[in-house]
Amino acid sequence: METTMYDKLLQLPLFQGLCKTDFTNILEKVKLHFHRYGKGIHLAKQGETCVQLIFILNGQVITEAESEDHLYIINEVLDSPNVIEPYSLFGMHTRYTASYKAASDIDALLIDKKYILTQLANYEIFNLNYLNMVSNRAQTTYGKLWNNHSRNIQEKIVNFILSRCSTPTGAKTLSIKMEDLAFLIDEARINVSKTLNEWQEAGLIKLNRKRITIPDLSLLAQTAESAILK
């Protein structure tokens, strides 16, 4: 394997810290599947059973998560290198919580669950990386529950989106009816409409029919926080 490929694989979250000797041993024992996905092809779909780890080596992936009541859909963009839902591989509910589609031609590395249990689990650094990743997600989710207080309608809307996204930064799209969003955050529809239109005039979002496009969620969150401090 070329040195550049070694370096790219060692940048992946679960392999960081492994020396090349250990990684060479892993390659000799673990069956790795390299796969290229064309633009628009799904890597995984919401509700499917997670039976492998999917590492994104290059390009971007679009995620799509639909609420159980089908009232709204949230789309995000994930950059590489990345790994898709490592927390869904074990536990009581081993199904993907979102769908993942290639935003362009991408290369991915797939490792079956059995090889993770029989081979990769023998490496302390891999186990530590895995535990840190799962623990960080649990702590972040728990933190969202405690910090999900809203002092005005701007915070209510931002917190609604933040609490349902996997990352607090980057581009997001929320597909939802205005009246459903108002109902879910316990606000009058006219107030929600007024706030969203103010954000659109400020260039923070773009409104279309049943769709709110957010170029940068972190910028929107900062704006909502600044409105409170004034």
C-alpha atoms as a PDB file:
ATOM      1  CA  MET A   1       0.000   0.000   0.000  1.00  0.00           C
ATOM      2  CA  GLU A   2       1.304   3.479  -0.870  1.00  0.00           C
ATOM      3  CA  THR A   3       2.547   5.761   1.876  1.00  0.00           C
ATOM      4  CA  THR A   4      -0.082   8.361   0.965  1.00  0.00           C
ATOM      5  CA  MET A   5      -2.835   5.789   1.552  1.00  0.00           C
ATOM      6  CA  TYR A   6      -1.266   4.862   4.893  1.00  0.00           C
ATOM      7  CA  ASP A   7      -1.293   8.510   5.921  1.00  0.00           C
ATOM      8  CA  LYS A   8      -4.883   8.985   4.812  1.00  0.00           C
ATOM      9  CA  LEU A   9      -6.089   5.931   6.738  1.00  0.00           C
ATOM     10  CA  LEU A  10      -4.167   6.961   9.852  1.00  0.00           C
ATOM     11  CA  GLN A  11      -6.045  10.286   9.778  1.00  0.00           C
ATOM     12  CA  LEU A  12      -9.332   8.472  10.324  1.00  0.00           C
ATOM     13  CA  PRO A  13     -10.739   9.099  13.820  1.00  0.00           C
ATOM     14  CA  LEU A  14     -10.540   5.493  15.033  1.00  0.00           C
ATOM     15  CA  PHE A  15      -7.012   4.882  13.721  1.00  0.00           C
ATOM     16  CA  GLN A  16      -5.353   8.048  14.985  1.00  0.00           C
ATOM     17  CA  GLY A  17      -2.338   7.258  17.160  1.00  0.00           C
ATOM     18  CA  LEU A  18      -1.656   3.827  15.646  1.00  0.00           C
ATOM     19  CA  CYS A  19       1.897   3.351  14.415  1.00  0.00           C
ATOM     20  CA  LYS A  20       2.445   2.085  10.876  1.00  0.00           C
ATOM     21  CA  THR A  21       3.739  -1.260  12.185  1.00  0.00           C
ATOM     22  CA  ASP A  22       0.487  -1.931  14.034  1.00  0.00           C
ATOM     23  CA  PHE A  23      -1.517  -0.755  11.054  1.00  0.00           C
ATOM     24  CA  THR A  24       0.416  -3.104   8.758  1.00  0.00           C
ATOM     25  CA  ASN A  25      -0.459  -5.988  11.091  1.00  0.00           C
ATOM     26  CA  ILE A  26      -4.097  -4.948  10.971  1.00  0.00           C
ATOM     27  CA  LEU A  27      -4.097  -4.935   7.180  1.00  0.00           C
ATOM     28  CA  GLU A  28      -2.721  -8.479   7.175  1.00  0.00           C
ATOM     29  CA  LYS A  29      -5.496  -9.785   9.430  1.00  0.00           C
ATOM     30  CA  VAL A  30      -8.533  -7.637   8.737  1.00  0.00           C
ATOM     31  CA  LYS A  31     -10.494  -7.830   5.506  1.00  0.00           C
ATOM     32  CA  LEU A  32     -10.826  -4.252   4.289  1.00  0.00           C
ATOM     33  CA  HIS A  33     -13.304  -3.296   1.587  1.00  0.00           C
ATOM     34  CA  PHE A  34     -12.493  -0.174  -0.420  1.00  0.00           C
ATOM     35  CA  HIS A  35     -15.467   1.098  -2.370  1.00  0.00           C
ATOM     36  CA  ARG A  36     -16.121   4.079  -4.618  1.00  0.00           C
ATOM     37  CA  TYR A  37     -19.581   5.643  -4.494  1.00  0.00           C
ATOM     38  CA  GLY A  38     -20.804   7.851  -7.301  1.00  0.00           C
ATOM     39  CA  LYS A  39     -22.588  11.127  -6.631  1.00  0.00           C
ATOM     40  CA  GLY A  40     -26.108  10.521  -5.321  1.00  0.00           C
ATOM     41  CA  ILE A  41     -25.486   6.918  -4.254  1.00  0.00           C
ATOM     42  CA  HIS A  42     -26.536   5.954  -0.725  1.00  0.00           C
ATOM     43  CA  LEU A  43     -23.900   4.553   1.628  1.00  0.00           C
ATOM     44  CA  ALA A  44     -26.482   3.747   4.293  1.00  0.00           C
ATOM     45  CA  LYS A  45     -30.181   4.402   4.866  1.00  0.00           C
ATOM     46  CA  GLN A  46     -32.086   5.421   7.963  1.00  0.00           C
ATOM     47  CA  GLY A  47     -33.555   2.390   9.720  1.00  0.00           C
ATOM     48  CA  GLU A  48     -31.170  -0.143   8.170  1.00  0.00           C
ATOM     49  CA  THR A  49     -29.175  -2.360  10.543  1.00  0.00           C
ATOM     50  CA  CYS A  50     -25.592  -1.176  11.077  1.00  0.00           C
ATOM     51  CA  VAL A  51     -23.305  -4.189  10.511  1.00  0.00           C
ATOM     52  CA  GLN A  52     -20.070  -2.414   9.551  1.00  0.00           C
ATOM     53  CA  LEU A  53     -18.052   0.737   9.977  1.00  0.00           C
ATOM     54  CA  ILE A  54     -17.998   3.017   6.944  1.00  0.00           C
ATOM     55  CA  PHE A  55     -15.026   5.397   6.784  1.00  0.00           C
ATOM     56  CA  ILE A  56     -15.229   8.346   4.382  1.00  0.00           C
ATOM     57  CA  LEU A  57     -11.754   8.846   2.906  1.00  0.00           C
ATOM     58  CA  ASN A  58     -12.435  11.866   0.692  1.00  0.00           C
ATOM     59  CA  GLY A  59     -15.230  14.115  -0.497  1.00  0.00           C
ATOM     60  CA  GLN A  60     -18.457  15.015   1.285  1.00  0.00           C
ATOM     61  CA  VAL A  61     -21.540  13.113   2.370  1.00  0.00           C
ATOM     62  CA  ILE A  62     -25.068  14.497   2.734  1.00  0.00           C
ATOM     63  CA  THR A  63     -27.045  13.179   5.687  1.00  0.00           C
ATOM     64  CA  GLU A  64     -30.830  13.054   5.900  1.00  0.00           C
ATOM     65  CA  ALA A  65     -32.724  12.328   9.128  1.00  0.00           C
ATOM     66  CA  GLU A  66     -36.526  12.206   9.201  1.00  0.00           C
ATOM     67  CA  SER A  67     -38.522  12.483  12.422  1.00  0.00           C
ATOM     68  CA  GLU A  68     -40.616   9.496  13.484  1.00  0.00           C
ATOM     69  CA  ASP A  69     -43.816  11.502  13.036  1.00  0.00           C
ATOM     70  CA  HIS A  70     -42.660  12.568   9.532  1.00  0.00           C
ATOM     71  CA  LEU A  71     -43.146  16.245  10.356  1.00  0.00           C
ATOM     72  CA  TYR A  72     -39.639  17.348   9.416  1.00  0.00           C
ATOM     73  CA  ILE A  73     -36.374  16.316   7.758  1.00  0.00           C
ATOM     74  CA  ILE A  74     -32.895  17.633   8.562  1.00  0.00           C
ATOM     75  CA  ASN A  75     -30.028  17.495   6.066  1.00  0.00           C
ATOM     76  CA  GLU A  76     -26.367  18.075   6.931  1.00  0.00           C
ATOM     77  CA  VAL A  77     -23.058  17.970   5.095  1.00  0.00           C
ATOM     78  CA  LEU A  78     -20.215  15.859   6.544  1.00  0.00           C
ATOM     79  CA  ASP A  79     -16.617  16.420   5.477  1.00  0.00           C
ATOM     80  CA  SER A  80     -13.897  13.772   5.244  1.00  0.00           C
ATOM     81  CA  PRO A  81     -12.137  12.035   6.825  1.00  0.00           C
ATOM     82  CA  ASN A  82     -15.069  10.777   8.856  1.00  0.00           C
ATOM     83  CA  VAL A  83     -16.830   7.639  10.043  1.00  0.00           C
ATOM     84  CA  ILE A  84     -20.560   6.999   9.797  1.00  0.00           C
ATOM     85  CA  GLU A  85     -22.401   6.359  13.076  1.00  0.00           C
ATOM     86  CA  PRO A  86     -19.864   4.249  15.003  1.00  0.00           C
ATOM     87  CA  TYR A  87     -22.274   4.489  17.957  1.00  0.00           C
ATOM     88  CA  SER A  88     -24.926   2.516  16.014  1.00  0.00           C
ATOM     89  CA  LEU A  89     -22.758  -0.601  15.682  1.00  0.00           C
ATOM     90  CA  PHE A  90     -23.439  -1.764  19.263  1.00  0.00           C
ATOM     91  CA  GLY A  91     -26.178  -1.377  21.850  1.00  0.00           C
ATOM     92  CA  MET A  92     -29.910  -2.038  21.981  1.00  0.00           C
ATOM     93  CA  HIS A  93     -30.706  -0.166  18.766  1.00  0.00           C
ATOM     94  CA  THR A  94     -28.240  -0.982  15.996  1.00  0.00           C
ATOM     95  CA  ARG A  95     -29.985   0.876  13.198  1.00  0.00           C
ATOM     96  CA  TYR A  96     -28.841   3.991  11.367  1.00  0.00           C
ATOM     97  CA  THR A  97     -30.477   7.161  12.655  1.00  0.00           C
ATOM     98  CA  ALA A  98     -30.054   8.924   9.306  1.00  0.00           C
ATOM     99  CA  SER A  99     -29.428   8.244   5.632  1.00  0.00           C
ATOM    100  CA  TYR A 100     -26.050   9.018   4.039  1.00  0.00           C
ATOM    101  CA  LYS A 101     -25.600   9.922   0.368  1.00  0.00           C
ATOM    102  CA  ALA A 102     -22.481  10.827  -1.603  1.00  0.00           C
ATOM    103  CA  ALA A 103     -22.400  14.536  -2.472  1.00  0.00           C
ATOM    104  CA  SER A 104     -19.791  13.754  -5.140  1.00  0.00           C
ATOM    105  CA  ASP A 105     -17.694  10.751  -6.113  1.00  0.00           C
ATOM    106  CA  ILE A 106     -16.180   9.499  -2.868  1.00  0.00           C
ATOM    107  CA  ASP A 107     -13.930   6.675  -1.693  1.00  0.00           C
ATOM    108  CA  ALA A 108     -14.889   4.726   1.415  1.00  0.00           C
ATOM    109  CA  LEU A 109     -13.393   1.996   3.581  1.00  0.00           C
ATOM    110  CA  LEU A 110     -15.774  -0.643   4.950  1.00  0.00           C
ATOM    111  CA  ILE A 111     -14.925  -2.962   7.865  1.00  0.00           C
ATOM    112  CA  ASP A 112     -17.329  -5.689   9.003  1.00  0.00           C
ATOM    113  CA  LYS A 113     -18.366  -5.829  12.651  1.00  0.00           C
ATOM    114  CA  LYS A 114     -16.852  -9.296  13.153  1.00  0.00           C
ATOM    115  CA  TYR A 115     -13.351  -8.035  12.288  1.00  0.00           C
ATOM    116  CA  ILE A 116     -13.725  -5.174  14.731  1.00  0.00           C
ATOM    117  CA  LEU A 117     -14.555  -7.639  17.510  1.00  0.00           C
ATOM    118  CA  THR A 118     -11.937 -10.266  16.651  1.00  0.00           C
ATOM    119  CA  GLN A 119      -9.019  -8.135  15.434  1.00  0.00           C
ATOM    120  CA  LEU A 120      -9.236  -4.365  15.913  1.00  0.00           C
ATOM    121  CA  ALA A 121     -10.397  -4.745  19.518  1.00  0.00           C
ATOM    122  CA  ASN A 122      -6.956  -6.197  20.299  1.00  0.00           C
ATOM    123  CA  TYR A 123      -5.372  -2.760  19.867  1.00  0.00           C
ATOM    124  CA  GLU A 124      -5.597  -0.493  22.902  1.00  0.00           C
ATOM    125  CA  ILE A 125      -5.411   2.721  20.877  1.00  0.00           C
ATOM    126  CA  PHE A 126      -8.311   1.653  18.659  1.00  0.00           C
ATOM    127  CA  ASN A 127     -10.401   0.786  21.738  1.00  0.00           C
ATOM    128  CA  LEU A 128      -9.538   4.120  23.338  1.00  0.00           C
ATOM    129  CA  ASN A 129     -10.447   6.034  20.178  1.00  0.00           C
ATOM    130  CA  TYR A 130     -13.735   4.157  19.941  1.00  0.00           C
ATOM    131  CA  LEU A 131     -14.599   4.747  23.599  1.00  0.00           C
ATOM    132  CA  ASN A 132     -13.705   8.431  23.322  1.00  0.00           C
ATOM    133  CA  MET A 133     -15.855   8.853  20.225  1.00  0.00           C
ATOM    134  CA  VAL A 134     -18.910   7.167  21.758  1.00  0.00           C
ATOM    135  CA  SER A 135     -18.414   8.922  25.108  1.00  0.00           C
ATOM    136  CA  ASN A 136     -18.058  12.324  23.453  1.00  0.00           C
ATOM    137  CA  ARG A 137     -21.345  11.814  21.636  1.00  0.00           C
ATOM    138  CA  ALA A 138     -23.111  10.733  24.832  1.00  0.00           C
ATOM    139  CA  GLN A 139     -21.725  13.728  26.744  1.00  0.00           C
ATOM    140  CA  THR A 140     -22.654  16.139  23.957  1.00  0.00           C
ATOM    141  CA  THR A 141     -26.197  14.756  23.782  1.00  0.00           C
ATOM    142  CA  TYR A 142     -26.550  14.964  27.560  1.00  0.00           C
ATOM    143  CA  GLY A 143     -25.264  18.523  27.483  1.00  0.00           C
ATOM    144  CA  LYS A 144     -27.878  19.477  24.902  1.00  0.00           C
ATOM    145  CA  LEU A 145     -30.628  18.331  27.264  1.00  0.00           C
ATOM    146  CA  TRP A 146     -29.341  20.543  30.082  1.00  0.00           C
ATOM    147  CA  ASN A 147     -28.598  23.533  27.879  1.00  0.00           C
ATOM    148  CA  ASN A 148     -31.817  23.390  25.874  1.00  0.00           C
ATOM    149  CA  HIS A 149     -33.248  26.487  27.583  1.00  0.00           C
ATOM    150  CA  SER A 150     -34.609  29.257  25.389  1.00  0.00           C
ATOM    151  CA  ARG A 151     -34.946  32.898  26.366  1.00  0.00           C
ATOM    152  CA  ASN A 152     -36.588  34.070  23.147  1.00  0.00           C
ATOM    153  CA  ILE A 153     -37.984  32.767  19.882  1.00  0.00           C
ATOM    154  CA  GLN A 154     -34.624  33.005  18.120  1.00  0.00           C
ATOM    155  CA  GLU A 155     -33.056  30.656  20.658  1.00  0.00           C
ATOM    156  CA  LYS A 156     -36.051  28.323  20.445  1.00  0.00           C
ATOM    157  CA  ILE A 157     -35.589  27.865  16.700  1.00  0.00           C
ATOM    158  CA  VAL A 158     -31.796  27.530  16.920  1.00  0.00           C
ATOM    159  CA  ASN A 159     -31.981  25.042  19.797  1.00  0.00           C
ATOM    160  CA  PHE A 160     -34.592  22.997  17.926  1.00  0.00           C
ATOM    161  CA  ILE A 161     -32.152  22.613  15.031  1.00  0.00           C
ATOM    162  CA  LEU A 162     -28.985  22.223  17.125  1.00  0.00           C
ATOM    163  CA  SER A 163     -30.441  19.450  19.255  1.00  0.00           C
ATOM    164  CA  ARG A 164     -31.230  17.420  16.143  1.00  0.00           C
ATOM    165  CA  CYS A 165     -27.956  17.885  14.260  1.00  0.00           C
ATOM    166  CA  SER A 166     -24.831  15.751  14.581  1.00  0.00           C
ATOM    167  CA  THR A 167     -22.518  18.785  14.306  1.00  0.00           C
ATOM    168  CA  PRO A 168     -23.128  22.401  15.438  1.00  0.00           C
ATOM    169  CA  THR A 169     -21.396  23.928  12.423  1.00  0.00           C
ATOM    170  CA  GLY A 170     -21.722  23.954   8.654  1.00  0.00           C
ATOM    171  CA  ALA A 171     -24.607  23.902   6.221  1.00  0.00           C
ATOM    172  CA  LYS A 172     -27.992  22.514   7.300  1.00  0.00           C
ATOM    173  CA  THR A 173     -31.406  22.235   5.686  1.00  0.00           C
ATOM    174  CA  LEU A 174     -34.628  21.894   7.662  1.00  0.00           C
ATOM    175  CA  SER A 175     -37.659  20.751   5.671  1.00  0.00           C
ATOM    176  CA  ILE A 176     -40.784  21.559   7.679  1.00  0.00           C
ATOM    177  CA  LYS A 177     -44.100  23.387   7.448  1.00  0.00           C
ATOM    178  CA  MET A 178     -44.142  26.760   9.208  1.00  0.00           C
ATOM    179  CA  GLU A 179     -47.123  25.753  11.350  1.00  0.00           C
ATOM    180  CA  ASP A 180     -45.416  22.512  12.407  1.00  0.00           C
ATOM    181  CA  LEU A 181     -42.269  24.351  13.478  1.00  0.00           C
ATOM    182  CA  ALA A 182     -44.393  26.827  15.438  1.00  0.00           C
ATOM    183  CA  PHE A 183     -46.228  23.967  17.145  1.00  0.00           C
ATOM    184  CA  LEU A 184     -43.031  22.062  18.009  1.00  0.00           C
ATOM    185  CA  ILE A 185     -41.377  25.091  19.661  1.00  0.00           C
ATOM    186  CA  ASP A 186     -44.659  26.320  21.232  1.00  0.00           C
ATOM    187  CA  GLU A 187     -44.777  29.663  19.456  1.00  0.00           C
ATOM    188  CA  ALA A 188     -47.308  31.514  17.310  1.00  0.00           C
ATOM    189  CA  ARG A 189     -46.877  30.916  13.593  1.00  0.00           C
ATOM    190  CA  ILE A 190     -46.758  34.652  12.855  1.00  0.00           C
ATOM    191  CA  ASN A 191     -43.815  35.096  15.259  1.00  0.00           C
ATOM    192  CA  VAL A 192     -41.907  32.212  13.671  1.00  0.00           C
ATOM    193  CA  SER A 193     -42.534  33.635  10.202  1.00  0.00           C
ATOM    194  CA  LYS A 194     -41.383  37.113  11.312  1.00  0.00           C
ATOM    195  CA  THR A 195     -38.144  35.772  12.810  1.00  0.00           C
ATOM    196  CA  LEU A 196     -37.298  33.608   9.803  1.00  0.00           C
ATOM    197  CA  ASN A 197     -37.912  36.471   7.386  1.00  0.00           C
ATOM    198  CA  GLU A 198     -35.664  38.752   9.458  1.00  0.00           C
ATOM    199  CA  TRP A 199     -32.928  36.113   9.274  1.00  0.00           C
ATOM    200  CA  GLN A 200     -33.396  35.831   5.525  1.00  0.00           C
ATOM    201  CA  GLU A 201     -33.074  39.603   5.111  1.00  0.00           C
ATOM    202  CA  ALA A 202     -29.830  39.428   7.118  1.00  0.00           C
ATOM    203  CA  GLY A 203     -28.504  36.698   4.811  1.00  0.00           C
ATOM    204  CA  LEU A 204     -28.401  34.069   7.571  1.00  0.00           C
ATOM    205  CA  ILE A 205     -30.892  31.679   5.957  1.00  0.00           C
ATOM    206  CA  LYS A 206     -32.783  31.156   2.717  1.00  0.00           C
ATOM    207  CA  LEU A 207     -36.487  30.373   2.740  1.00  0.00           C
ATOM    208  CA  ASN A 208     -38.279  28.218   0.217  1.00  0.00           C
ATOM    209  CA  ARG A 209     -41.596  26.421   0.378  1.00  0.00           C
ATOM    210  CA  LYS A 210     -41.434  24.129   3.452  1.00  0.00           C
ATOM    211  CA  ARG A 211     -37.639  24.474   3.534  1.00  0.00           C
ATOM    212  CA  ILE A 212     -35.122  26.498   5.543  1.00  0.00           C
ATOM    213  CA  THR A 213     -31.551  26.475   4.209  1.00  0.00           C
ATOM    214  CA  ILE A 214     -28.833  27.494   6.674  1.00  0.00           C
ATOM    215  CA  PRO A 215     -25.363  28.123   5.156  1.00  0.00           C
ATOM    216  CA  ASP A 216     -23.652  28.113   8.576  1.00  0.00           C
ATOM    217  CA  LEU A 217     -25.486  26.990  11.721  1.00  0.00           C
ATOM    218  CA  SER A 218     -22.770  28.291  14.055  1.00  0.00           C
ATOM    219  CA  LEU A 219     -23.190  31.814  12.625  1.00  0.00           C
ATOM    220  CA  LEU A 220     -26.953  31.617  13.117  1.00  0.00           C
ATOM    221  CA  ALA A 221     -26.455  30.454  16.718  1.00  0.00           C
ATOM    222  CA  GLN A 222     -24.076  33.362  17.385  1.00  0.00           C
ATOM    223  CA  THR A 223     -26.635  35.794  16.005  1.00  0.00           C
ATOM    224  CA  ALA A 224     -29.364  34.386  18.264  1.00  0.00           C
ATOM    225  CA  GLU A 225     -27.044  34.650  21.294  1.00  0.00           C
ATOM    226  CA  SER A 226     -26.065  38.227  20.398  1.00  0.00           C
ATOM    227  CA  ALA A 227     -29.732  39.241  20.202  1.00  0.00           C
ATOM    228  CA  ILE A 228     -30.140  38.221  23.858  1.00  0.00           C
ATOM    229  CA  LEU A 229     -27.065  40.091  25.053  1.00  0.00           C
ATOM    230  CA  LYS A 230     -28.171  43.376  23.505  1.00  0.00           C
END
